[in-house]
Each structure stands twice: as structure tokens, then as C-alpha cells.
Amino acid sequence: MNTAQLSQTLLASWRQRDRSSPWGRWLIAALVIVPSLASVAWFEGPARWALPAGMLLLVIHIGWMGVSANLQVQNDPAAARFVPGHVRALQEAALLGWVLCTAASTLLMWLVVPAPFLSWQALLLGNAAAAVFSLWSSRFWWLWFMAVFWAPLLGAFGETVRAPLQAAQALWAGHTDVLLVVGLLLLSTLVPAVFGHGDDRHRRSHDRLRRMQEVQRMFQEGRQATPVQAFASLERFSSPFVAAISAWRQHVLRTADNRRLGSVMARAELVLHGNQHWTYQLLAVMSLVVGLALTFVVVIAWTSVPLAEMVKHGAFGMSIGLASMAMNPTLARPMLWQTRREQALLRLLPAIPQGSALNRAVAWIALRHALLAALLASLVIIPLCAATSQWGLLWLPVMAVPWSVWTATRSPASMRPPTGLTSALPVLAFYLCAGLAYVGTERLGLPMTPLALGLLAATAAWGAYRWRQLARQPAALPAGRLA
């Protein structure tokens, strides 16, 4: 395989990028570069390079994950079975990408991590394993699911795995070079093994991949996928969702009263938000909480680890998961674009507000949901903060408030067709701001209470200004008609 073919295969995801909106990529680059330059300018000593190195390491691995996902898309069963050399070309490209990702991330960490802390051999093997995990997770999404839910609990098993870890550490110290070579050879065999060759197992795996990509496209376009759409043959799993949503719809229709604006907008919301209605969001969070509770029950039943220890080690991951489920759907509003064809008829229904009243009614739906989600997330995260003394985790719901005010008060009439980038940018910006605030509180010792109160006060004043500006916006519905 020559260099041109390798370039075509590895860089396919970059060449297929959306060229119509480069500003989003420039914004992401700014969100990475500006904090990095600020860290170099303000901090002293080795700490000044920690944030730039962490940002660059994140960019390297996210880039590799994007390449891995695109390689899986190219690994079509028909092409693998009938095009000579197709699978081999993908394997060679994956090996080259794996080597480049491992080398770049290892060199970066070797320059930043203090020498006594980790040897270059450990960094090399660890980064190679992380790159292999990213590659395999592009085919089997549940690997990330397991990592997110179980990795934070590994610290709770310290006593259980202490002896095996000490034995492994002693073996590594005595045979470092040999184990490094053996480990790299084993990992290198896992890279080409991720690609299918067109058999039945490969076709089933590729079908699952296509379903997940369809779910991602639905999310990017503002549509909420049902469990049946996301996972084949799970109709029974989706029946509680369908029953709960149907019950709410029947309640809204049964108690309809055109004299009350709340009743009118509750019925309008069923149309406006479609499958991204708040009932889907609430049921998803409840499913997460039930799954987390079952995880705790299994761990407590099979080990002697106390619940307090699991909460201590898993508080960070659980807070991220809860915040994601609660806040992510409220930080973007592309669902209005999907229902725009029905919105013209919706405006003709009796008692539907018009003009600036409609603008405020539509904005209030989004803002109310966002503030309520932030409040409920805070009520769940506060006990985790109290148990672990990591009060910086409260920045997750607090930092969601200003971003929610911005998204809720945007003009739907000028909304452009949603893309993956425009749907993800508010969420990425929210996480970046919350992460920086968490570092400032937990690592730099900045006082959280006055900063959080000041942020919320400034957001309230800014929100009041934007609320008055809603009267000057074009009529909210139909969304996107001026784009």
C-alpha cells in the first residue's frame, strides 16, 4: 500500500468534514488554544505546562477516535468480502494510525510527567493500550459504557486487587524491557483483528454500527431515538417508556383548558419537542439511576467493599453521568427544526399566543426545563460532594445555567439546519467551562461560593436583558424559516 492510499484511508474523516461551517472548528480550536496560552502566561513552574499538555493529549486521542470510527465505516462487509486487498489496506492504515497516536501521546507525556513518577516504558505501554481501546470501542460501543460505569469504582477494590497488583509491579520491575516488547506485540495483533472479513458476525456488527450512527444523526438533528431504534429486538424494554409517555399525553389532553396558557403550551410542547419531550429525558435519567443502583447491589453482594467507599471513588464519574443525562438535552434546541412543518398549523390552533408572547412562551419551555434539570442534578450531586468533600463537582449544574439561558433565548426563526458540530458545541463549551471551574476550585484553591453566586447573579441580569430582547425577535414559529 503506497503513501497516497494510506493518506486517503486515514484522512477520510477529515476530507469528509462539513466545509460549509468552518467557524465551528475555529471556535473549538480557540477553546483549546486560549486556555493553554493563559496557563503558560499565568502559572509558574511545571504546572504552567499541565493544561496545554492535557489539551493536546485530548486532541490527539479524540482525533484517533474519529479516525477509528471512520475506518470502521469503511470496513463494509460487502467490500471486505468482494474487494481484494480492502481489509488489508484498512489494517495497515490502522496500524500506522495506532503507532502515530501512541508515539505522539507518549512523547508528550514524557516531556510533562515527572521522571520518577512513570518511566517511559510504562508511558509507552499505557498509551498503546489506550489507543487500542479507542480503536476497539469504535466497533463495540459498550466498551465505553463499561469504562464509564466501572472505572470510577476500581479504586474501591484496592484491598481486593492489592496482591495481584504488587505481583505485577514486581514482575514489571524485574523484566521491564521483555514485558514491554511482549505487551506491544500483543497489542499490535489486536489492531488488525478489529476489522471483519465479511462473514455473518461482521455483518451483524456492521448493522449495529449503522444503527448507532443513525441514532447519532438523529441526536445531531434534534430527534430523540427510542430504545427500539437504538437497540434491535428490545421492544419489551421500550414498553415502559411508551406507557409512561402515553399516560402523560392522555393527562394533558384530558385536562386541556384553553383559558390557561400552561395547558395550551403543554399540548403545544408535545408537538414542538416530539421524541425529545421532557418525559423521554426523565425516563432516561431514571433508567440511569436504576442501573447505577443495580451496579452497587452487585458490587456489595460480591465484595466486602462498603457503600461509602464506592461513593467516594465513584462520585466524579457519577456526577459527570448524571449531569450529562440531565443537562445535555437542554443545552441545544435543534428539536424545533425537526417539527417546523407542523409549527405553521400549530400557530392556527385556538389560544396559541402570537408575536412576542409566543417567543416568551417557547423560550420559557426550554428555560424552565433547563433550570429544573440543573436544580434536580444539584440535589443529587450535593450528597456526593458532602461524602467526598469534592464541592467542585457542583460546578456542573451551576455552569449549565448561563449556557442554558443562552440556548433558551436564541431566535428560533433564524435557526439554521442543525449539524453534528452545531449541536455539540454548546455541550462541549459547557463541559470545558465546568472543567476549568472545577480545576480552579479543587486544585488552585479558588473560593467557590462567591464565584458561583457572582456567576449566577451575572447570568440573572444577562438573562433579564435577553428576555426583554425576545420582544424584538421575529415570531418564534415556524423555526428556521429565516435561515
Protein backbone atom coordinates (compact mmCIF):
# COMPACT_ATOMS: atom_id res chain seq x y z
CA MET A 1 0.00 0.00 0.00
CA ASN A 2 1.58 3.29 -1.07
CA THR A 3 1.60 6.60 0.77
CA ALA A 4 -1.26 8.10 -1.25
CA GLN A 5 -3.55 5.17 -0.44
CA LEU A 6 -2.66 5.36 3.26
CA SER A 7 -3.41 9.08 3.24
CA GLN A 8 -6.78 8.53 1.55
CA THR A 9 -7.75 5.86 4.06
CA LEU A 10 -6.53 7.54 7.26
CA LEU A 11 -7.66 11.07 6.45
CA ALA A 12 -11.06 10.16 5.00
CA SER A 13 -12.91 11.57 8.03
CA TRP A 14 -11.08 14.90 7.68
CA ARG A 15 -11.74 15.11 3.95
CA GLN A 16 -15.44 14.39 4.55
CA ARG A 17 -15.82 17.25 7.06
CA ASP A 18 -18.52 19.85 6.65
CA ARG A 19 -16.80 22.65 4.72
CA SER A 20 -19.83 24.95 4.88
CA SER A 21 -19.30 25.89 8.57
CA PRO A 22 -15.57 26.21 9.36
CA TRP A 23 -16.30 28.66 12.17
CA GLY A 24 -17.21 25.80 14.48
CA ARG A 25 -13.80 24.20 14.08
CA TRP A 26 -12.14 27.57 14.64
CA LEU A 27 -14.18 28.00 17.82
CA ILE A 28 -13.13 24.58 19.11
CA ALA A 29 -9.51 25.44 18.30
CA ALA A 30 -9.88 28.70 20.23
CA LEU A 31 -11.37 26.86 23.23
CA VAL A 32 -8.26 24.69 23.26
CA ILE A 33 -5.60 27.30 22.48
CA VAL A 34 -6.77 30.24 24.61
CA PRO A 35 -6.82 28.39 27.99
CA SER A 36 -3.48 26.78 27.12
CA LEU A 37 -1.85 30.15 26.44
CA ALA A 38 -3.40 31.56 29.61
CA SER A 39 -1.94 28.68 31.63
CA VAL A 40 1.53 29.30 30.21
CA ALA A 41 1.27 33.04 30.88
CA TRP A 42 -0.15 32.97 34.41
CA PHE A 43 1.29 29.91 36.13
CA GLU A 44 4.85 29.25 37.20
CA GLY A 45 6.97 26.11 37.17
CA PRO A 46 5.90 22.74 35.77
CA ALA A 47 2.21 23.49 36.43
CA ARG A 48 2.15 26.02 33.58
CA TRP A 49 2.52 23.21 31.02
CA ALA A 50 -0.01 20.81 32.57
CA LEU A 51 -3.11 22.33 30.92
CA PRO A 52 -1.58 22.74 27.42
CA ALA A 53 -0.26 19.19 27.56
CA GLY A 54 -3.61 17.85 28.73
CA MET A 55 -5.44 19.73 25.97
CA LEU A 56 -3.05 18.46 23.29
CA LEU A 57 -3.28 14.91 24.62
CA LEU A 58 -7.07 15.15 24.46
CA VAL A 59 -6.90 16.40 20.87
CA ILE A 60 -4.61 13.50 19.88
CA HIS A 61 -6.88 10.82 21.29
CA ILE A 62 -10.10 12.44 20.05
CA GLY A 63 -8.56 12.64 16.60
CA TRP A 64 -7.59 8.97 16.77
CA MET A 65 -11.11 8.05 17.89
CA GLY A 66 -12.53 9.89 14.88
CA VAL A 67 -10.13 8.07 12.56
CA SER A 68 -11.01 4.74 14.18
CA ALA A 69 -14.73 5.31 13.73
CA ASN A 70 -14.23 6.21 10.07
CA LEU A 71 -12.12 3.08 9.50
CA GLN A 72 -14.99 1.00 10.86
CA VAL A 73 -17.37 2.73 8.46
CA GLN A 74 -15.03 1.85 5.59
CA ASN A 75 -14.97 -1.77 6.77
CA ASP A 76 -18.17 -2.56 4.88
CA PRO A 77 -18.97 -6.32 4.78
CA ALA A 78 -19.55 -6.32 1.02
CA ALA A 79 -16.26 -4.56 0.32
CA ALA A 80 -14.43 -6.80 2.78
CA ARG A 81 -15.76 -9.91 1.05
CA PHE A 82 -15.51 -8.96 -2.62
CA VAL A 83 -12.83 -6.22 -2.97
CA PRO A 84 -9.32 -7.74 -2.98
CA GLY A 85 -6.95 -6.10 -0.52
CA HIS A 86 -9.61 -3.89 1.08
CA VAL A 87 -9.32 -5.29 4.60
CA ARG A 88 -5.52 -5.40 4.38
CA ALA A 89 -5.46 -1.71 3.42
CA LEU A 90 -7.60 -0.85 6.45
CA GLN A 91 -5.38 -2.92 8.72
CA GLU A 92 -2.23 -1.22 7.52
CA ALA A 93 -3.79 2.21 7.92
CA ALA A 94 -4.96 1.33 11.44
CA LEU A 95 -1.50 0.08 12.41
CA LEU A 96 0.06 3.32 11.17
CA GLY A 97 -2.51 5.44 13.00
CA TRP A 98 -2.05 3.42 16.17
CA VAL A 99 1.72 3.89 16.04
CA LEU A 100 1.43 7.63 15.43
CA CYS A 101 -1.12 8.13 18.22
CA THR A 102 0.93 6.06 20.67
CA ALA A 103 4.21 7.80 19.80
CA ALA A 104 2.77 11.32 19.95
CA SER A 105 0.94 10.83 23.24
CA THR A 106 3.90 9.05 24.83
CA LEU A 107 6.35 11.78 23.81
CA LEU A 108 4.00 14.45 25.11
CA MET A 109 3.54 12.76 28.48
CA TRP A 110 7.26 12.00 28.77
CA LEU A 111 8.01 15.72 28.40
CA VAL A 112 5.45 16.73 31.04
CA VAL A 113 5.18 13.90 33.60
CA PRO A 114 8.00 13.96 36.21
CA ALA A 115 10.59 11.26 35.54
CA PRO A 116 10.35 9.42 38.90
CA PHE A 117 6.60 9.14 38.60
CA LEU A 118 6.34 6.98 35.48
CA SER A 119 9.06 5.52 33.27
CA TRP A 120 8.97 5.95 29.52
CA GLN A 121 8.30 2.22 29.18
CA ALA A 122 5.15 2.48 31.30
CA LEU A 123 4.01 5.55 29.38
CA LEU A 124 4.56 3.80 26.06
CA LEU A 125 2.68 0.65 27.03
CA GLY A 126 -0.15 2.61 28.68
CA ASN A 127 -0.70 4.89 25.69
CA ALA A 128 -0.52 1.94 23.29
CA ALA A 129 -3.22 0.15 25.31
CA ALA A 130 -5.38 3.32 25.40
CA ALA A 131 -5.12 3.68 21.61
CA VAL A 132 -6.13 0.02 21.13
CA PHE A 133 -9.10 0.54 23.47
CA SER A 134 -10.24 3.56 21.41
CA LEU A 135 -9.97 1.52 18.23
CA TRP A 136 -12.00 -1.41 19.56
CA SER A 137 -14.59 0.85 21.16
CA SER A 138 -15.33 2.26 17.70
CA ARG A 139 -16.73 -1.20 16.88
CA PHE A 140 -18.15 -2.18 20.28
CA TRP A 141 -19.70 0.91 21.88
CA TRP A 142 -20.42 -0.91 25.15
CA LEU A 143 -16.70 -0.80 25.98
CA TRP A 144 -17.12 2.90 26.73
CA PHE A 145 -20.26 2.11 28.71
CA MET A 146 -18.30 -0.34 30.88
CA ALA A 147 -15.42 2.10 31.26
CA VAL A 148 -17.64 4.99 32.32
CA PHE A 149 -19.58 2.99 34.89
CA TRP A 150 -16.89 0.68 36.25
CA ALA A 151 -13.61 2.59 36.02
CA PRO A 152 -14.53 5.03 38.82
CA LEU A 153 -15.22 2.04 41.10
CA LEU A 154 -11.83 0.38 40.56
CA GLY A 155 -10.35 2.32 43.45
CA ALA A 156 -12.91 0.73 45.77
CA PHE A 157 -11.37 -2.68 45.09
CA GLY A 158 -7.94 -1.60 46.30
CA GLU A 159 -7.68 -4.23 49.01
CA THR A 160 -9.03 -6.98 46.76
CA VAL A 161 -6.56 -6.39 43.94
CA ARG A 162 -3.62 -5.21 46.05
CA ALA A 163 -1.78 -8.54 45.98
CA PRO A 164 -2.10 -9.13 42.21
CA LEU A 165 -1.05 -5.55 41.52
CA GLN A 166 2.01 -5.86 43.74
CA ALA A 167 2.97 -9.11 42.00
CA ALA A 168 2.52 -7.47 38.58
CA GLN A 169 4.57 -4.46 39.68
CA ALA A 170 7.40 -6.68 40.91
CA LEU A 171 7.34 -8.65 37.67
CA TRP A 172 7.40 -5.42 35.67
CA ALA A 173 10.32 -4.04 37.70
CA GLY A 174 12.37 -7.19 37.12
CA HIS A 175 11.59 -7.70 33.41
CA THR A 176 10.61 -4.26 32.13
CA ASP A 177 12.04 -4.46 28.64
CA VAL A 178 10.85 -8.01 27.98
CA LEU A 179 7.31 -7.27 29.17
CA LEU A 180 7.27 -4.04 27.15
CA VAL A 181 8.14 -5.89 23.95
CA VAL A 182 5.64 -8.67 24.68
CA GLY A 183 2.91 -6.17 25.52
CA LEU A 184 3.46 -4.13 22.38
CA LEU A 185 3.45 -7.27 20.23
CA LEU A 186 0.17 -8.44 21.77
CA LEU A 187 -1.42 -5.01 21.31
CA SER A 188 -0.21 -4.86 17.72
CA THR A 189 -2.06 -8.11 17.00
CA LEU A 190 -5.28 -6.60 18.37
CA VAL A 191 -5.18 -3.70 15.91
CA PRO A 192 -5.78 -5.67 12.66
CA ALA A 193 -8.09 -8.09 14.49
CA VAL A 194 -10.74 -5.38 14.94
CA PHE A 195 -11.65 -5.50 11.24
CA GLY A 196 -14.17 -8.01 9.91
CA HIS A 197 -13.82 -10.04 6.74
CA GLY A 198 -17.43 -10.07 5.52
CA ASP A 199 -18.74 -13.07 7.43
CA ASP A 200 -22.06 -13.25 9.31
CA ARG A 201 -20.56 -11.93 12.54
CA HIS A 202 -19.10 -8.97 10.68
CA ARG A 203 -22.44 -8.20 9.03
CA ARG A 204 -24.22 -8.22 12.40
CA SER A 205 -21.57 -5.98 13.91
CA HIS A 206 -21.75 -3.57 10.97
CA ASP A 207 -25.55 -3.45 11.26
CA ARG A 208 -25.18 -2.43 14.91
CA LEU A 209 -22.68 0.23 13.87
CA ARG A 210 -25.08 1.63 11.28
CA ARG A 211 -27.87 1.77 13.87
CA MET A 212 -25.65 3.67 16.28
CA GLN A 213 -24.67 6.09 13.53
CA GLU A 214 -28.32 6.65 12.73
CA VAL A 215 -29.00 7.35 16.41
CA GLN A 216 -26.12 9.85 16.42
CA ARG A 217 -27.51 11.56 13.33
CA MET A 218 -30.93 11.73 14.99
CA PHE A 219 -29.37 13.35 18.05
CA GLN A 220 -27.49 15.84 15.90
CA GLU A 221 -30.73 16.73 14.13
CA GLY A 222 -32.61 17.14 17.36
CA ARG A 223 -34.53 13.86 17.32
CA GLN A 224 -34.62 11.52 20.31
CA ALA A 225 -34.16 7.85 19.47
CA THR A 226 -36.36 5.31 21.19
CA PRO A 227 -34.76 2.19 22.69
CA VAL A 228 -36.12 0.12 19.79
CA GLN A 229 -34.40 2.40 17.28
CA ALA A 230 -31.13 2.30 19.19
CA PHE A 231 -31.11 -1.40 20.06
CA ALA A 232 -32.69 -4.05 17.89
CA SER A 233 -35.03 -6.63 19.44
CA LEU A 234 -35.63 -4.61 22.62
CA GLU A 235 -39.32 -3.88 22.16
CA ARG A 236 -40.10 -5.09 25.68
CA PHE A 237 -37.54 -2.72 27.13
CA SER A 238 -39.22 0.21 25.41
CA SER A 239 -42.76 -0.64 26.55
CA PRO A 240 -42.44 1.14 29.96
CA PHE A 241 -41.25 4.26 28.13
CA VAL A 242 -44.18 4.11 25.71
CA ALA A 243 -46.68 3.54 28.54
CA ALA A 244 -45.37 6.45 30.62
CA ILE A 245 -45.30 8.86 27.69
CA SER A 246 -48.79 7.82 26.58
CA ALA A 247 -50.10 8.34 30.10
CA TRP A 248 -48.74 11.89 30.19
CA ARG A 249 -50.21 12.70 26.78
CA GLN A 250 -53.61 11.41 27.83
CA HIS A 251 -53.40 13.50 31.02
CA VAL A 252 -52.54 16.66 29.05
CA LEU A 253 -55.44 16.13 26.65
CA ARG A 254 -57.89 15.17 29.38
CA THR A 255 -57.15 18.32 31.39
CA ALA A 256 -56.99 20.65 28.37
CA ASP A 257 -58.13 24.19 29.13
CA ASN A 258 -57.65 26.97 26.59
CA ARG A 259 -58.04 29.58 29.31
CA ARG A 260 -54.73 28.56 30.88
CA LEU A 261 -51.50 29.31 28.99
CA GLY A 262 -49.75 26.43 30.77
CA SER A 263 -52.28 23.93 29.46
CA VAL A 264 -52.04 25.33 25.92
CA MET A 265 -48.24 25.19 25.86
CA ALA A 266 -48.17 21.72 27.43
CA ARG A 267 -50.14 20.47 24.42
CA ALA A 268 -48.01 22.52 22.04
CA GLU A 269 -44.88 21.05 23.60
CA LEU A 270 -45.99 17.54 22.66
CA VAL A 271 -45.70 18.68 19.03
CA LEU A 272 -42.74 21.05 19.35
CA HIS A 273 -40.36 18.65 21.08
CA GLY A 274 -41.58 15.35 19.65
CA ASN A 275 -39.33 12.49 20.73
CA GLN A 276 -37.18 14.90 22.74
CA HIS A 277 -40.03 15.68 25.09
CA TRP A 278 -39.07 16.02 28.75
CA THR A 279 -40.71 12.66 29.53
CA TYR A 280 -38.01 10.89 27.48
CA GLN A 281 -35.32 12.77 29.35
CA LEU A 282 -36.81 11.98 32.76
CA LEU A 283 -37.22 8.29 31.95
CA ALA A 284 -33.63 8.11 30.68
CA VAL A 285 -32.33 9.60 33.95
CA MET A 286 -34.48 7.19 35.96
CA SER A 287 -33.06 4.28 33.95
CA LEU A 288 -29.53 5.51 34.69
CA VAL A 289 -30.25 5.75 38.42
CA VAL A 290 -31.77 2.25 38.45
CA GLY A 291 -28.77 0.85 36.55
CA LEU A 292 -26.39 2.55 38.98
CA ALA A 293 -28.30 1.17 41.97
CA LEU A 294 -28.14 -2.35 40.50
CA THR A 295 -24.39 -1.91 40.00
CA PHE A 296 -23.98 -1.01 43.66
CA VAL A 297 -26.07 -4.03 44.70
CA VAL A 298 -23.93 -6.38 42.59
CA VAL A 299 -20.66 -4.96 43.92
CA ILE A 300 -21.83 -5.06 47.54
CA ALA A 301 -23.12 -8.63 47.11
CA TRP A 302 -19.91 -9.95 45.55
CA THR A 303 -17.33 -7.99 47.54
CA SER A 304 -16.79 -6.62 51.01
CA VAL A 305 -16.42 -3.06 49.76
CA PRO A 306 -18.65 -0.69 51.78
CA LEU A 307 -21.07 1.62 50.03
CA ALA A 308 -19.30 4.73 51.37
CA GLU A 309 -16.06 3.62 49.72
CA MET A 310 -17.77 3.12 46.37
CA VAL A 311 -19.40 6.53 46.57
CA LYS A 312 -16.06 8.10 47.43
CA HIS A 313 -14.27 6.63 44.42
CA GLY A 314 -17.20 6.88 42.01
CA ALA A 315 -18.51 10.36 42.84
CA PHE A 316 -16.70 12.07 39.97
CA GLY A 317 -17.88 9.63 37.31
CA MET A 318 -21.41 9.51 38.68
CA SER A 319 -21.63 13.31 38.72
CA ILE A 320 -20.48 13.52 35.12
CA GLY A 321 -23.02 10.87 34.09
CA LEU A 322 -25.92 12.48 35.93
CA ALA A 323 -25.03 15.94 34.64
CA SER A 324 -24.81 14.60 31.09
CA MET A 325 -28.21 12.95 31.24
CA ALA A 326 -29.83 15.97 32.91
CA MET A 327 -28.23 18.92 31.13
CA ASN A 328 -27.06 17.86 27.69
CA PRO A 329 -30.56 17.70 26.12
CA THR A 330 -31.36 21.19 27.45
CA LEU A 331 -28.26 22.85 26.02
CA ALA A 332 -29.29 22.55 22.36
CA ARG A 333 -32.58 23.29 20.64
CA PRO A 334 -32.41 21.57 17.25
CA MET A 335 -35.60 19.65 18.04
CA LEU A 336 -37.57 22.72 16.90
CA TRP A 337 -36.10 22.34 13.43
CA GLN A 338 -37.48 18.83 13.08
CA THR A 339 -41.07 19.85 13.86
CA ARG A 340 -41.08 23.10 11.85
CA ARG A 341 -43.55 21.73 9.26
CA GLU A 342 -46.18 21.20 11.96
CA GLN A 343 -45.49 24.53 13.64
CA ALA A 344 -47.31 26.59 10.99
CA LEU A 345 -50.51 24.63 11.72
CA LEU A 346 -49.79 24.78 15.44
CA ARG A 347 -49.96 28.60 15.33
CA LEU A 348 -53.53 28.39 14.00
CA LEU A 349 -54.86 26.46 16.98
CA PRO A 350 -57.14 28.30 19.43
CA ALA A 351 -55.48 30.15 22.32
CA ILE A 352 -51.93 29.76 20.98
CA PRO A 353 -50.07 33.01 21.83
CA GLN A 354 -48.76 35.14 18.99
CA GLY A 355 -45.90 37.59 18.45
CA SER A 356 -43.67 38.36 21.42
CA ALA A 357 -45.94 36.33 23.71
CA LEU A 358 -45.21 33.26 21.60
CA ASN A 359 -41.49 33.99 21.71
CA ARG A 360 -41.53 34.10 25.50
CA ALA A 361 -43.74 31.01 25.78
CA VAL A 362 -41.42 28.94 23.57
CA ALA A 363 -38.30 30.24 25.35
CA TRP A 364 -39.85 29.59 28.77
CA ILE A 365 -40.39 25.92 27.95
CA ALA A 366 -36.68 25.45 27.24
CA LEU A 367 -35.52 27.64 30.12
CA ARG A 368 -37.86 26.02 32.65
CA HIS A 369 -36.67 22.55 31.73
CA ALA A 370 -33.01 23.60 31.89
CA LEU A 371 -33.31 25.27 35.30
CA LEU A 372 -35.32 22.38 36.72
CA ALA A 373 -32.78 19.88 35.38
CA ALA A 374 -29.94 21.89 36.95
CA LEU A 375 -31.80 22.04 40.28
CA LEU A 376 -32.54 18.29 40.36
CA ALA A 377 -28.97 17.48 39.34
CA SER A 378 -27.73 19.71 42.17
CA LEU A 379 -29.91 17.88 44.69
CA VAL A 380 -28.36 14.58 43.62
CA ILE A 381 -24.76 15.84 43.37
CA ILE A 382 -24.75 17.65 46.73
CA PRO A 383 -24.77 14.38 48.77
CA LEU A 384 -21.89 13.11 46.61
CA CYS A 385 -19.98 16.33 47.29
CA ALA A 386 -20.65 16.05 51.02
CA ALA A 387 -19.47 12.41 51.08
CA THR A 388 -16.25 13.12 49.17
CA SER A 389 -15.55 16.79 50.02
CA GLN A 390 -15.30 17.48 46.26
CA TRP A 391 -17.57 20.51 46.22
CA GLY A 392 -16.15 21.49 42.85
CA LEU A 393 -18.49 18.92 41.31
CA LEU A 394 -21.31 21.41 41.87
CA TRP A 395 -19.86 23.46 39.03
CA LEU A 396 -21.56 21.02 36.66
CA PRO A 397 -25.14 22.20 37.36
CA VAL A 398 -24.04 25.78 38.14
CA MET A 399 -22.15 26.23 34.88
CA ALA A 400 -25.10 24.79 32.95
CA VAL A 401 -27.25 27.79 33.92
CA PRO A 402 -25.59 30.52 31.77
CA TRP A 403 -25.33 28.21 28.77
CA SER A 404 -28.99 27.24 29.20
CA VAL A 405 -30.02 30.90 29.31
CA TRP A 406 -28.17 31.49 26.05
CA THR A 407 -29.66 28.50 24.23
CA ALA A 408 -33.19 29.15 25.51
CA THR A 409 -33.25 32.79 24.40
CA ARG A 410 -31.86 32.31 20.89
CA SER A 411 -34.14 33.22 18.00
CA PRO A 412 -35.73 30.03 16.60
CA ALA A 413 -36.83 31.86 13.44
CA SER A 414 -33.21 32.30 12.32
CA MET A 415 -32.15 28.81 13.38
CA ARG A 416 -30.07 27.04 10.74
CA PRO A 417 -30.34 23.32 9.99
CA PRO A 418 -28.57 21.53 12.84
CA THR A 419 -25.31 19.71 12.23
CA GLY A 420 -23.23 17.48 14.43
CA LEU A 421 -20.87 20.36 15.18
CA THR A 422 -23.50 22.98 16.00
CA SER A 423 -25.39 20.51 18.21
CA ALA A 424 -22.25 19.51 20.11
CA LEU A 425 -20.67 22.94 20.56
CA PRO A 426 -22.88 24.13 23.47
CA VAL A 427 -22.33 20.82 25.26
CA LEU A 428 -18.55 20.92 24.71
CA ALA A 429 -18.38 24.54 25.85
CA PHE A 430 -20.38 23.67 28.98
CA TYR A 431 -18.01 20.83 29.89
CA LEU A 432 -14.94 22.95 29.23
CA CYS A 433 -16.19 25.78 31.45
CA ALA A 434 -17.25 23.37 34.21
CA GLY A 435 -13.88 21.60 33.99
CA LEU A 436 -11.90 24.83 34.26
CA ALA A 437 -14.02 25.94 37.22
CA TYR A 438 -13.53 22.53 38.89
CA VAL A 439 -9.75 22.78 38.48
CA GLY A 440 -9.79 26.30 39.87
CA THR A 441 -11.72 25.19 42.95
CA GLU A 442 -10.20 21.79 43.66
CA ARG A 443 -6.60 22.35 42.51
CA LEU A 444 -5.94 26.08 42.78
CA GLY A 445 -8.00 26.70 45.91
CA LEU A 446 -10.20 29.45 44.49
CA PRO A 447 -13.30 30.15 46.64
CA MET A 448 -16.31 28.51 45.03
CA THR A 449 -19.20 30.17 46.87
CA PRO A 450 -18.54 33.82 45.90
CA LEU A 451 -17.57 32.81 42.35
CA ALA A 452 -20.72 30.71 41.86
CA LEU A 453 -23.00 33.37 43.37
CA GLY A 454 -21.38 36.05 41.23
CA LEU A 455 -21.80 33.92 38.11
CA LEU A 456 -25.47 33.23 38.87
CA ALA A 457 -26.13 36.91 39.61
CA ALA A 458 -24.49 38.00 36.37
CA THR A 459 -26.43 35.30 34.50
CA ALA A 460 -29.71 36.52 36.02
CA ALA A 461 -29.02 40.11 34.88
CA TRP A 462 -27.93 38.95 31.43
CA GLY A 463 -30.95 36.65 31.21
CA ALA A 464 -33.31 39.50 32.08
CA TYR A 465 -31.81 41.57 29.27
CA ARG A 466 -32.13 38.73 26.76
CA TRP A 467 -35.69 38.09 27.94
CA ARG A 468 -36.62 41.67 27.06
CA GLN A 469 -34.93 41.21 23.70
CA LEU A 470 -37.37 38.40 22.88
CA ALA A 471 -40.00 41.03 22.10
CA ARG A 472 -37.83 42.31 19.23
CA GLN A 473 -37.22 38.91 17.68
CA PRO A 474 -39.29 37.60 14.75
CA ALA A 475 -42.10 35.23 15.68
CA ALA A 476 -40.54 32.05 17.05
CA LEU A 477 -42.58 29.63 14.95
CA PRO A 478 -42.10 28.15 12.45
CA ALA A 479 -38.47 27.68 13.43
CA GLY A 480 -35.78 28.19 10.84
CA ARG A 481 -37.93 29.96 8.28
CA LEU A 482 -35.47 32.91 8.02
CA ALA A 483 -32.36 30.72 7.73
